[in-house]
Protein backbone atom coordinates (compact mmCIF):
# COMPACT_ATOMS: atom_id res chain seq x y z
CA MET A 1 10.62 -5.56 -9.60
CA ASP A 2 8.83 -8.40 -7.95
CA LYS A 3 5.30 -7.52 -6.65
CA ILE A 4 2.27 -8.93 -4.71
CA VAL A 5 -1.12 -8.33 -6.41
CA ILE A 6 -4.09 -7.49 -3.84
CA LEU A 7 -7.67 -7.70 -5.08
CA ASP A 8 -9.67 -5.32 -3.21
CA PHE A 9 -13.40 -6.36 -2.53
CA GLY A 10 -14.14 -3.11 -0.33
CA SER A 11 -12.26 -4.02 2.92
CA GLN A 12 -11.28 -1.17 5.48
CA TYR A 13 -7.91 -3.19 5.72
CA THR A 14 -7.05 -3.58 2.16
CA GLN A 15 -4.51 -0.73 1.73
CA LEU A 16 -2.99 -1.97 5.17
CA ILE A 17 -2.21 -5.38 3.58
CA GLY A 18 -0.65 -3.52 0.84
CA ARG A 19 1.71 -1.31 3.18
CA ARG A 20 2.57 -4.38 5.31
CA ILE A 21 4.04 -6.20 2.34
CA ARG A 22 5.72 -3.00 1.39
CA GLU A 23 7.05 -2.72 4.95
CA LEU A 24 8.90 -6.22 4.04
CA GLY A 25 10.39 -4.42 1.06
CA VAL A 26 8.18 -6.00 -1.73
CA TYR A 27 6.27 -3.76 -4.05
CA SER A 28 2.53 -4.50 -3.73
CA GLU A 29 -0.08 -3.31 -6.34
CA ILE A 30 -4.00 -3.03 -5.29
CA VAL A 31 -6.32 -3.63 -8.00
CA PRO A 32 -10.30 -3.84 -8.15
CA GLY A 33 -11.22 -7.22 -7.03
CA GLU A 34 -13.16 -7.92 -10.37
CA ARG A 35 -9.87 -7.19 -12.39
CA LYS A 36 -9.19 -9.46 -15.29
CA PRO A 37 -5.37 -10.56 -15.43
CA ASP A 38 -3.36 -9.28 -18.07
CA SER A 39 0.22 -8.81 -19.18
CA ALA A 40 0.85 -5.69 -17.43
CA LEU A 41 -0.75 -6.83 -13.99
CA LEU A 42 0.94 -10.19 -14.11
CA GLU A 43 4.35 -8.74 -14.85
CA GLY A 44 6.69 -9.47 -11.83
CA CYS A 45 3.75 -10.70 -10.00
CA LYS A 46 4.51 -13.50 -7.59
CA GLY A 47 1.48 -14.00 -5.68
CA ILE A 48 -2.16 -12.78 -5.09
CA VAL A 49 -4.08 -11.73 -1.97
CA LEU A 50 -7.89 -11.68 -1.79
CA SER A 51 -9.11 -9.11 0.81
CA GLY A 52 -11.93 -8.63 3.02
CA SER A 53 -15.15 -7.11 2.17
CA PRO A 54 -18.17 -5.48 4.00
CA TYR A 55 -20.41 -8.09 1.90
CA SER A 56 -21.13 -11.53 2.66
CA ALA A 57 -19.77 -14.56 0.12
CA TRP A 58 -23.45 -15.83 -0.10
CA GLN A 59 -24.92 -12.45 -0.75
CA GLU A 60 -26.49 -11.77 -4.11
CA GLY A 61 -24.25 -9.37 -5.92
CA SER A 62 -21.30 -9.77 -3.65
CA PRO A 63 -18.03 -9.00 -5.21
CA ALA A 64 -15.85 -12.03 -6.94
CA PRO A 65 -12.54 -12.51 -8.40
CA ASP A 66 -12.25 -13.21 -12.04
CA LEU A 67 -11.88 -16.90 -12.64
CA ALA A 68 -9.00 -16.20 -15.01
CA MET A 69 -6.96 -15.21 -11.83
CA LEU A 70 -7.45 -18.19 -10.27
CA GLY A 71 -6.24 -20.00 -13.15
CA THR A 72 -2.78 -18.09 -13.14
CA GLY A 73 -1.15 -20.85 -11.09
CA LEU A 74 0.08 -18.08 -8.77
CA PRO A 75 0.27 -18.82 -4.92
CA ILE A 76 -3.10 -16.97 -3.22
CA LEU A 77 -3.45 -15.90 0.42
CA ALA A 78 -7.37 -15.14 0.89
CA ILE A 79 -8.01 -12.96 4.01
CA CYS A 80 -11.48 -13.26 5.66
CA TYR A 81 -14.06 -12.62 2.87
CA GLY A 82 -11.49 -13.93 0.69
CA ILE A 83 -11.18 -17.31 1.96
CA GLN A 84 -15.14 -17.44 2.40
CA TRP A 85 -15.65 -16.84 -1.27
CA LEU A 86 -12.92 -19.46 -2.21
CA THR A 87 -14.66 -21.74 0.13
CA MET A 88 -18.19 -21.46 -1.53
CA HIS A 89 -16.62 -21.45 -4.85
CA ALA A 90 -15.11 -25.06 -3.89
CA GLY A 91 -18.64 -26.22 -2.80
CA GLY A 92 -18.15 -25.41 0.84
CA VAL A 93 -20.34 -23.70 3.39
CA VAL A 94 -20.32 -20.25 4.81
CA GLU A 95 -23.24 -19.09 7.10
CA ARG A 96 -23.75 -16.07 9.57
CA CYS A 97 -22.32 -16.45 12.89
CA GLU A 98 -24.25 -17.01 15.95
CA THR A 99 -21.87 -15.10 17.72
CA ARG A 100 -19.56 -12.59 15.99
CA GLU A 101 -15.96 -12.80 16.25
CA TYR A 102 -14.66 -9.39 16.69
CA GLY A 103 -11.11 -7.98 17.82
CA SER A 104 -8.62 -10.07 19.85
CA MET A 105 -8.93 -13.89 19.58
CA ARG A 106 -6.84 -16.71 20.17
CA VAL A 107 -6.10 -19.07 17.22
CA ARG A 108 -4.24 -22.65 17.64
CA PHE A 109 -3.13 -25.07 15.06
CA LEU A 110 -4.58 -28.39 14.87
CA PRO A 111 -2.28 -31.38 14.96
CA ALA A 112 -2.48 -31.89 11.11
CA VAL A 113 -0.72 -28.75 10.45
CA GLN A 114 2.78 -30.62 11.34
CA ASP A 115 1.89 -32.84 8.32
CA SER A 116 0.33 -30.39 5.92
CA GLY A 117 3.27 -29.47 3.76
CA ARG A 118 2.82 -26.00 2.35
CA ALA A 119 0.53 -24.81 5.44
CA ALA A 120 3.67 -25.84 7.60
CA THR A 121 5.77 -23.39 5.58
CA LEU A 122 3.23 -20.55 5.88
CA LEU A 123 3.33 -21.10 9.67
CA GLU A 124 6.83 -21.73 10.23
CA GLY A 125 8.59 -20.13 13.12
CA LEU A 126 4.96 -19.23 14.85
CA PRO A 127 3.89 -20.78 18.21
CA ASP A 128 1.22 -23.31 18.43
CA SER A 129 -1.35 -20.66 19.35
CA PHE A 130 -1.12 -17.04 19.32
CA LEU A 131 -3.64 -13.96 19.47
CA SER A 132 -5.12 -12.97 16.20
CA TRP A 133 -7.43 -10.06 15.39
CA MET A 134 -10.96 -10.94 13.99
CA SER A 135 -13.45 -8.92 12.22
CA HIS A 136 -16.11 -11.02 10.69
CA GLY A 137 -19.83 -11.69 10.73
CA ASP A 138 -19.76 -14.83 8.77
CA SER A 139 -17.97 -17.97 9.47
CA ILE A 140 -16.95 -21.38 7.49
CA VAL A 141 -19.15 -24.08 8.33
CA ARG A 142 -17.80 -26.44 6.13
CA PRO A 143 -14.49 -26.18 4.17
CA GLY A 144 -14.64 -26.49 0.26
CA GLU A 145 -13.53 -29.74 -1.60
CA GLU A 146 -9.79 -30.00 -1.13
CA TRP A 147 -9.46 -27.72 1.75
CA ASP A 148 -8.12 -28.52 5.22
CA VAL A 149 -8.62 -26.48 8.45
CA VAL A 150 -5.21 -26.42 10.00
CA GLY A 151 -6.28 -23.77 12.55
CA ILE A 152 -9.13 -22.79 14.71
CA SER A 153 -10.41 -19.92 16.84
CA GLU A 154 -10.85 -20.43 20.45
CA SER A 155 -14.65 -20.24 19.67
CA GLY A 156 -13.85 -23.56 17.27
CA VAL A 157 -14.40 -21.69 13.93
CA PRO A 158 -11.93 -22.36 11.11
CA ALA A 159 -9.30 -19.78 11.17
CA ILE A 160 -6.46 -21.15 9.15
CA LEU A 161 -7.01 -23.30 5.99
CA ALA A 162 -4.76 -24.80 3.08
CA HIS A 163 -5.49 -26.17 -0.42
CA ARG A 164 -4.23 -29.81 -0.61
CA ALA A 165 -2.78 -29.46 -3.94
CA ARG A 166 -2.29 -25.56 -4.77
CA PRO A 167 -0.29 -23.16 -2.94
CA TRP A 168 -3.61 -21.24 -1.62
CA PHE A 169 -4.03 -20.54 1.79
CA GLY A 170 -6.68 -18.90 3.68
CA LEU A 171 -7.07 -16.84 7.02
CA GLN A 172 -10.24 -15.92 8.65
CA PHE A 173 -8.56 -13.26 10.83
CA HIS A 174 -6.27 -10.05 9.74
CA PRO A 175 -2.64 -10.56 9.83
CA GLU A 176 -2.27 -7.07 8.52
CA VAL A 177 -3.50 -5.46 11.53
CA SER A 178 -0.98 -4.50 14.31
CA HIS A 179 -2.76 -6.23 17.12
CA CYS A 180 -2.66 -9.52 15.37
CA GLU A 181 0.62 -11.42 16.97
CA HIS A 182 2.72 -12.90 14.35
CA GLY A 183 0.74 -11.21 11.43
CA MET A 184 3.91 -10.01 9.87
CA ASP A 185 5.51 -13.33 10.04
CA ILE A 186 2.64 -14.96 8.28
CA LEU A 187 2.68 -12.42 5.56
CA ALA A 188 6.61 -12.82 5.30
CA ASN A 189 6.24 -16.55 5.03
CA PHE A 190 3.88 -16.00 2.32
CA VAL A 191 5.80 -13.52 0.41
CA PHE A 192 9.31 -15.06 0.81
CA ARG A 193 8.71 -18.62 1.47
CA ILE A 194 5.65 -19.30 -0.58
CA CYS A 195 5.64 -16.68 -3.46
CA GLY A 196 9.58 -16.60 -3.50
CA ALA A 197 9.54 -12.75 -4.03
CA GLU A 198 12.70 -10.64 -3.84
CA ARG A 199 13.01 -7.29 -1.98
CA GLY A 200 13.04 -4.11 -4.03
CA TRP A 201 10.69 -1.51 -2.63
CA SER A 202 11.36 1.52 -0.50
CA MET A 203 10.26 4.88 0.50
CA GLU A 204 12.94 6.20 -1.37
CA ALA A 205 11.47 4.10 -4.52
CA TYR A 206 8.16 5.48 -3.80
CA LEU A 207 9.27 9.09 -3.83
CA GLU A 208 10.88 8.53 -7.09
CA GLN A 209 8.17 6.80 -9.14
CA GLU A 210 5.57 9.34 -7.76
CA ALA A 211 7.83 12.23 -8.62
CA ARG A 212 8.07 10.95 -12.23
CA LEU A 213 4.33 10.25 -12.27
CA LEU A 214 3.55 13.75 -10.96
CA ARG A 215 5.90 15.72 -13.52
CA GLU A 216 4.32 13.60 -16.19
CA ARG A 217 0.85 14.70 -15.39
CA VAL A 218 1.42 18.35 -14.49
CA GLY A 219 4.08 19.26 -16.98
CA LYS A 220 4.89 22.95 -16.45
CA GLU A 221 1.27 23.97 -15.19
CA PRO A 222 0.78 25.66 -11.91
CA VAL A 223 -0.18 23.68 -8.55
CA LEU A 224 -1.78 24.86 -5.52
CA LEU A 225 -1.63 23.20 -2.40
CA LEU A 226 -4.40 23.78 0.28
CA ILE A 227 -2.28 23.48 3.40
CA SER A 228 -3.28 23.36 6.83
CA GLY A 229 0.14 23.06 8.44
CA GLY A 230 -0.33 19.63 9.74
CA VAL A 231 1.95 16.73 8.99
CA ASP A 232 0.20 15.50 5.84
CA SER A 233 -0.30 18.82 3.91
CA THR A 234 3.29 19.86 4.99
CA VAL A 235 4.74 16.66 3.77
CA ALA A 236 2.85 17.08 0.49
CA GLY A 237 4.22 20.68 0.29
CA ALA A 238 7.75 19.21 0.60
CA PHE A 239 7.13 16.68 -2.08
CA LEU A 240 5.73 19.09 -4.74
CA LEU A 241 8.57 21.56 -4.03
CA LYS A 242 11.11 18.48 -4.42
CA SER A 243 9.57 17.07 -7.33
CA LEU A 244 8.58 20.21 -9.31
CA ASP A 245 9.99 23.44 -10.42
CA PRO A 246 9.46 25.60 -7.02
CA ASP A 247 8.10 28.33 -9.42
CA GLN A 248 4.94 26.51 -10.13
CA VAL A 249 4.03 25.59 -6.76
CA TYR A 250 1.81 27.45 -4.69
CA LEU A 251 1.18 27.10 -0.92
CA LEU A 252 -2.06 28.47 0.33
CA TYR A 253 -2.70 28.31 4.30
CA ILE A 254 -6.40 29.10 4.82
CA ASP A 255 -7.23 30.28 8.46
CA THR A 256 -10.61 28.89 8.86
CA GLY A 257 -11.37 29.87 12.48
CA LEU A 258 -11.24 26.33 13.55
CA MET A 259 -7.58 26.22 14.07
CA ARG A 260 -5.81 25.23 17.46
CA LYS A 261 -4.31 28.03 19.55
CA ALA A 262 -1.40 29.81 18.14
CA GLU A 263 -1.76 27.39 15.24
CA ASN A 264 -1.30 30.27 12.61
CA GLU A 265 2.12 31.46 13.64
CA GLU A 266 3.52 28.08 14.13
CA VAL A 267 1.86 26.98 10.66
CA MET A 268 3.41 29.96 8.61
CA HIS A 269 6.72 29.45 10.49
CA ASN A 270 7.09 25.88 9.42
CA LEU A 271 6.04 26.49 6.14
CA SER A 272 8.58 29.22 5.31
CA ARG A 273 11.26 26.77 6.40
CA LEU A 274 10.23 24.57 3.02
CA GLY A 275 11.57 26.93 0.65
CA ALA A 276 8.49 27.86 -0.95
CA ARG A 277 8.65 30.78 -3.47
CA HIS A 278 4.69 31.38 -3.34
CA LEU A 279 3.29 31.06 0.20
CA GLU A 280 0.18 33.08 1.13
CA ALA A 281 -2.13 32.96 4.20
CA VAL A 282 -6.14 33.88 3.74
CA ASP A 283 -8.18 34.86 6.81
CA ALA A 284 -11.24 33.16 6.09
CA GLU A 285 -12.75 32.49 9.62
CA ALA A 286 -15.86 34.97 8.84
CA GLN A 287 -16.85 32.82 6.05
CA PHE A 288 -16.56 29.55 7.48
CA LEU A 289 -18.07 30.41 10.76
CA SER A 290 -21.15 31.76 8.96
CA ALA A 291 -21.43 28.63 6.49
CA LEU A 292 -21.48 26.49 9.71
CA LYS A 293 -23.89 28.42 11.65
CA GLY A 294 -26.64 26.50 13.04
CA VAL A 295 -25.33 23.27 11.66
CA ALA A 296 -25.08 20.28 13.92
CA ASP A 297 -24.93 17.30 11.55
CA PRO A 298 -21.31 15.97 11.24
CA GLU A 299 -21.45 15.07 7.52
CA THR A 300 -22.95 18.36 6.68
CA LYS A 301 -20.15 20.13 8.52
CA ARG A 302 -17.64 18.14 6.53
CA HIS A 303 -19.07 18.92 3.36
CA ILE A 304 -19.46 22.59 4.15
CA ILE A 305 -16.18 22.89 5.25
CA GLY A 306 -14.62 21.24 2.12
CA ASP A 307 -16.74 23.25 -0.17
CA MET A 308 -15.60 26.45 1.49
CA PHE A 309 -11.90 25.36 1.10
CA VAL A 310 -12.42 25.17 -2.54
CA LYS A 311 -14.37 28.55 -2.66
CA VAL A 312 -11.59 30.39 -0.89
CA GLN A 313 -9.25 28.43 -2.90
CA GLN A 314 -10.99 29.60 -6.18
CA ASP A 315 -10.80 33.32 -4.98
CA ALA A 316 -7.22 32.83 -4.45
CA VAL A 317 -6.26 31.48 -7.61
CA VAL A 318 -7.86 34.25 -9.32
CA ARG A 319 -6.03 36.62 -7.33
CA LEU A 320 -2.70 35.07 -7.78
CA GLY A 321 -3.33 34.98 -11.67
CA ILE A 322 -3.51 30.94 -11.81
CA PRO A 323 -7.08 30.33 -12.16
CA ASP A 324 -6.41 26.78 -14.17
CA ALA A 325 -4.13 25.45 -11.31
CA PHE A 326 -4.12 21.99 -10.22
CA LEU A 327 -5.39 21.55 -6.72
CA ALA A 328 -3.25 19.77 -4.47
CA GLN A 329 -4.33 17.92 -1.26
CA GLY A 330 -2.57 16.03 1.62
CA THR A 331 -5.24 13.36 1.41
CA LEU A 332 -4.22 10.01 2.99
CA TYR A 333 -5.47 6.48 2.16
CA THR A 334 -7.34 6.38 5.52
CA ASP A 335 -9.34 9.51 4.19
CA LEU A 336 -10.36 7.50 1.16
CA ILE A 337 -10.93 4.46 2.74
CA GLU A 338 -13.48 5.95 5.69
CA SER A 339 -15.27 8.15 2.72
CA GLY A 340 -15.79 4.90 0.73
CA LYS A 341 -13.07 5.78 -2.08
CA GLY A 342 -10.99 2.86 -1.97
CA VAL A 343 -9.61 1.11 -5.17
CA GLY A 344 -12.65 -0.83 -6.17
CA ASN A 345 -16.48 0.24 -6.09
CA LYS A 346 -17.55 -1.96 -2.99
CA ALA A 347 -16.18 0.16 -0.18
CA GLN A 348 -18.73 1.61 2.34
CA VAL A 349 -18.78 5.14 3.75
CA ILE A 350 -17.77 5.53 7.46
CA LYS A 351 -17.48 9.23 7.42
CA SER A 352 -17.00 11.65 4.75
CA HIS A 353 -13.77 13.46 4.65
CA HIS A 354 -13.96 17.07 3.65
CA ASN A 355 -11.09 16.83 1.24
CA VAL A 356 -12.78 13.40 -0.44
CA ARG A 357 -16.40 13.76 -0.55
CA SER A 358 -17.17 17.58 -0.74
CA PRO A 359 -19.33 17.98 -3.84
CA LEU A 360 -16.72 20.65 -5.25
CA ILE A 361 -13.78 18.46 -4.54
CA GLU A 362 -15.63 15.65 -6.21
CA LYS A 363 -16.32 17.89 -9.31
CA LYS A 364 -12.71 19.06 -9.51
CA ARG A 365 -11.52 15.26 -8.91
CA ALA A 366 -13.91 14.16 -11.98
CA GLU A 367 -12.30 16.96 -14.12
CA GLY A 368 -8.86 15.40 -13.33
CA ARG A 369 -7.47 18.56 -11.53
CA VAL A 370 -6.69 17.38 -8.17
CA ILE A 371 -3.31 16.07 -7.11
CA GLU A 372 -3.09 13.68 -4.07
CA PRO A 373 0.46 12.67 -3.79
CA LEU A 374 -0.04 10.92 -0.47
CA ASP A 375 -3.18 8.90 -1.27
CA ARG A 376 -1.72 5.43 -1.07
CA LEU A 377 0.13 6.29 2.29
CA TYR A 378 -0.81 5.92 6.19
CA LYS A 379 0.16 8.45 8.53
CA ASP A 380 3.12 6.75 9.79
CA GLU A 381 4.34 6.32 6.16
CA VAL A 382 3.89 9.80 5.57
CA ARG A 383 6.15 10.55 8.45
CA ALA A 384 8.73 8.33 6.72
CA LEU A 385 8.44 10.28 3.64
CA GLY A 386 8.76 13.62 5.39
CA ARG A 387 12.04 12.11 6.89
CA VAL A 388 13.24 11.20 3.52
CA LEU A 389 12.57 14.65 2.36
CA GLY A 390 14.48 16.20 5.14
CA LEU A 391 11.83 17.59 7.13
CA PRO A 392 12.83 18.28 10.93
CA GLU A 393 11.29 15.91 13.65
CA GLU A 394 9.21 18.78 15.14
CA ILE A 395 7.18 19.02 11.91
CA VAL A 396 6.78 15.14 11.02
CA GLY A 397 6.64 14.23 14.58
CA ARG A 398 3.58 16.41 15.35
CA HIS A 399 0.16 14.79 16.51
CA PRO A 400 -2.47 14.57 13.66
CA PHE A 401 -4.80 17.35 13.15
CA PRO A 402 -7.93 16.76 10.90
CA GLY A 403 -8.38 19.14 7.89
CA PRO A 404 -11.85 20.43 9.32
CA GLY A 405 -10.01 21.27 12.49
CA LEU A 406 -12.27 21.88 15.61
CA GLY A 407 -15.32 21.66 13.45
CA VAL A 408 -15.26 17.95 13.76
CA ARG A 409 -14.19 18.26 17.55
CA ILE A 410 -17.22 20.42 18.56
CA LEU A 411 -20.25 18.39 18.90
CA GLY A 412 -23.43 20.06 17.69
CA ASP A 413 -23.60 23.57 16.26
CA ILE A 414 -20.48 25.85 15.81
CA THR A 415 -19.68 29.20 17.15
CA LYS A 416 -16.77 31.42 17.88
CA GLU A 417 -17.29 30.97 21.70
CA LYS A 418 -17.11 27.22 21.57
CA CYS A 419 -13.91 27.32 19.27
CA ASP A 420 -12.32 29.76 21.73
CA ILE A 421 -13.31 27.44 24.99
CA LEU A 422 -12.20 24.24 22.99
CA ARG A 423 -8.78 25.83 21.81
CA GLU A 424 -7.88 26.91 25.39
CA ALA A 425 -8.66 23.36 26.64
CA ASP A 426 -6.81 21.66 24.15
CA SER A 427 -3.80 23.90 24.56
CA ILE A 428 -3.76 23.07 28.23
CA PHE A 429 -4.04 19.24 27.71
CA ILE A 430 -1.18 19.05 25.04
CA ALA A 431 1.07 21.49 27.15
CA GLU A 432 0.35 18.99 30.13
CA LEU A 433 1.47 15.94 28.15
CA ARG A 434 4.42 17.74 26.98
CA LYS A 435 5.50 18.73 30.66
CA ARG A 436 4.91 15.29 31.74
CA GLY A 437 6.99 13.62 28.83
CA LEU A 438 3.92 11.83 27.42
CA TYR A 439 3.28 13.61 24.17
CA ASP A 440 5.97 11.56 22.22
CA ARG A 441 4.54 8.35 23.82
CA ILE A 442 0.95 9.30 22.41
CA TRP A 443 0.06 9.15 18.71
CA GLN A 444 -2.68 11.45 18.91
CA ALA A 445 -4.33 13.59 21.64
CA PHE A 446 -6.80 16.34 21.64
CA CYS A 447 -10.08 17.61 23.44
CA VAL A 448 -13.64 17.13 22.37
CA LEU A 449 -16.26 19.72 23.41
CA LEU A 450 -19.66 17.96 23.90
CA SER A 451 -22.97 19.32 23.17
CA VAL A 452 -24.15 19.04 26.48
CA ARG A 453 -23.52 20.92 29.81
CA SER A 454 -23.53 19.60 33.34
CA VAL A 455 -24.23 20.84 37.06
CA GLY A 456 -21.45 21.51 39.26
CA VAL A 457 -20.25 23.69 42.13
CA ALA A 458 -17.94 26.76 41.99
CA GLY A 459 -17.39 27.56 45.34
CA ASP A 460 -20.75 27.75 46.92
CA GLU A 461 -22.62 28.46 43.94
CA ARG A 462 -24.42 26.13 41.52
CA ALA A 463 -22.54 26.31 38.04
CA TYR A 464 -23.76 24.80 34.69
CA LYS A 465 -20.92 24.39 32.35
CA TYR A 466 -19.58 22.57 29.48
CA VAL A 467 -18.05 19.17 29.34
CA VAL A 468 -14.77 18.20 27.29
CA ALA A 469 -13.83 14.62 26.60
CA LEU A 470 -10.08 13.83 26.51
CA ARG A 471 -9.08 11.62 23.50
CA ALA A 472 -5.41 10.20 23.63
CA ILE A 473 -4.68 6.99 21.52
CA GLN A 474 -1.71 4.72 20.44
CA SER A 475 -1.64 3.79 16.92
CA GLU A 476 0.77 2.79 14.11
CA ASP A 477 -1.48 3.95 11.06
CA GLY A 478 -4.60 5.18 12.20
CA MET A 479 -6.65 2.16 11.16
CA THR A 480 -6.78 0.53 14.48
CA ALA A 481 -6.12 2.36 17.65
CA GLN A 482 -6.32 1.82 21.60
CA PRO A 483 -6.57 4.56 24.43
CA PHE A 484 -3.56 5.34 26.05
CA ALA A 485 -3.16 4.05 29.63
CA PHE A 486 -2.85 7.23 31.81
CA GLU A 487 -1.68 6.97 35.32
CA PRO A 488 -4.72 8.00 37.31
CA LYS A 489 -2.58 10.97 39.02
CA ASP A 490 -1.90 12.29 35.39
CA LEU A 491 -5.70 12.50 34.64
CA PHE A 492 -6.55 13.91 38.07
CA GLU A 493 -4.08 16.62 37.43
CA ILE A 494 -4.97 17.41 33.83
CA SER A 495 -8.63 17.46 34.58
CA ALA A 496 -8.17 19.92 37.25
CA ALA A 497 -5.81 22.27 35.13
CA ILE A 498 -8.63 22.42 32.60
CA THR A 499 -11.56 23.06 34.86
CA ASN A 500 -9.36 25.67 37.01
CA ARG A 501 -8.27 27.55 33.97
CA VAL A 502 -11.23 27.55 31.59
CA GLN A 503 -14.04 29.21 33.45
CA GLN A 504 -16.71 27.50 30.95
CA ILE A 505 -15.76 24.18 31.45
CA GLY A 506 -17.06 22.07 34.66
CA ARG A 507 -16.42 18.66 33.79
CA VAL A 508 -13.84 16.49 32.20
CA VAL A 509 -14.47 12.96 31.03
CA TYR A 510 -11.75 10.59 29.48
CA ASP A 511 -12.88 8.52 26.27
CA ILE A 512 -11.30 4.79 26.49
CA SER A 513 -12.88 3.58 23.06
CA SER A 514 -10.55 1.61 20.73
CA LYS A 515 -10.82 1.97 17.16
CA PRO A 516 -12.82 -0.12 15.92
CA PRO A 517 -15.60 -0.04 17.01
CA ALA A 518 -15.31 3.75 17.61
CA THR A 519 -13.10 6.10 15.00
CA ILE A 520 -10.33 8.38 16.31
CA GLU A 521 -12.16 11.52 15.92
CA TRP A 522 -15.61 11.77 17.43
CA GLU A 523 -17.13 13.24 14.06
């Protein structure tokens, strides 16, 4: 099978590059940026992509590709940090930007692109200018030897570069991000026209490959999946039951007390439809709320929740008679990325996901006892896998719900009273979206209970009540997101429904932040 190798230097978008190439029907393999080329890596390899990075190319100790990779003769597409590193390697100059380029920015081709040979092939079919997606604090001041600038940003900064003698190209922007116009066209031109790769990749191929690897690793040993009932863990459960003997798969649903209204009943109903032979629910509300009492720091909350999941699981495996079972989780690649657990060792921590950086999870992962069959997928790919596995649309189409549940949607300390208030507000919000035909137009929607109260009026009396924030976003994969553009009338009526029916809430606000710079969840 033809493949494209991606060298990961710690970018938040590295896996997004890989999945975009897979969307084109070509297998992509992500490896640490410093990886040396060997026969296994180069077998079937048609091209190389250099990723972005949180580092600066001029920074001491910054990551660098092995020079032997550059000597393979393969086509190269260098993105953001990747082209900055190649620029400095070729004697060019990269410096910190006076004005940072971030978000949507128009890029236009220079006249020379018409005569630039390979560059024209890379940009074939594109208009002379388009909106790119920028995310860089450094810029190329002078290109390296034998490199030409063939496109610039509206700020006049080099945005597209081409090597005169080799099939090497550089992009200062991120074509893999969904907000970049013609990004997929550029990637397709590189993969097919420049690299000459042939299609051979599909979700069915992914399922077959991962199932084989899972059987080789697990053998006949039992596997216990901590399942929340959300899309990720439900698809993970269906995958395990499809790939292994159902007798060795145990599904454990833990009621943390941090779930949405009527979540327990809905989850158990959905899980019972998977055909699992071992399905158990544990009421652990008192344990979780006790452990979280008085804790306000979001990172600490995530660690506590992650550890509590493992402690409850440890008690369960003893009771079930499977103390040495593998622990399975519905971890996605976005969880790993934000937790600083990408392919290489250069990624930075944005926030610690409970199922990634909990100390007890880390310990079990180090022991090789954690199974994460979705850890190379994004949310929309998980949904696609769920459909391949035959799950009904009402399951795969549900909005995402974080593993820590309401624990990361209550700012400040967590109490049962706050959970109940937020549960009720969130239930009203989602019901209103469904009633108005908006639920399926929104990628994710939820309420956040703020850590402040505000003054209001109830009848003729002064009131001092909680504030909730509404969050509704549109996204493809969770890596980037834009706020949903409600009609004002809908927001007014939803706000009134919440404040009229939840006595403890006196004010409703709407979060209009995009990702980046914000994350989707507040904590």
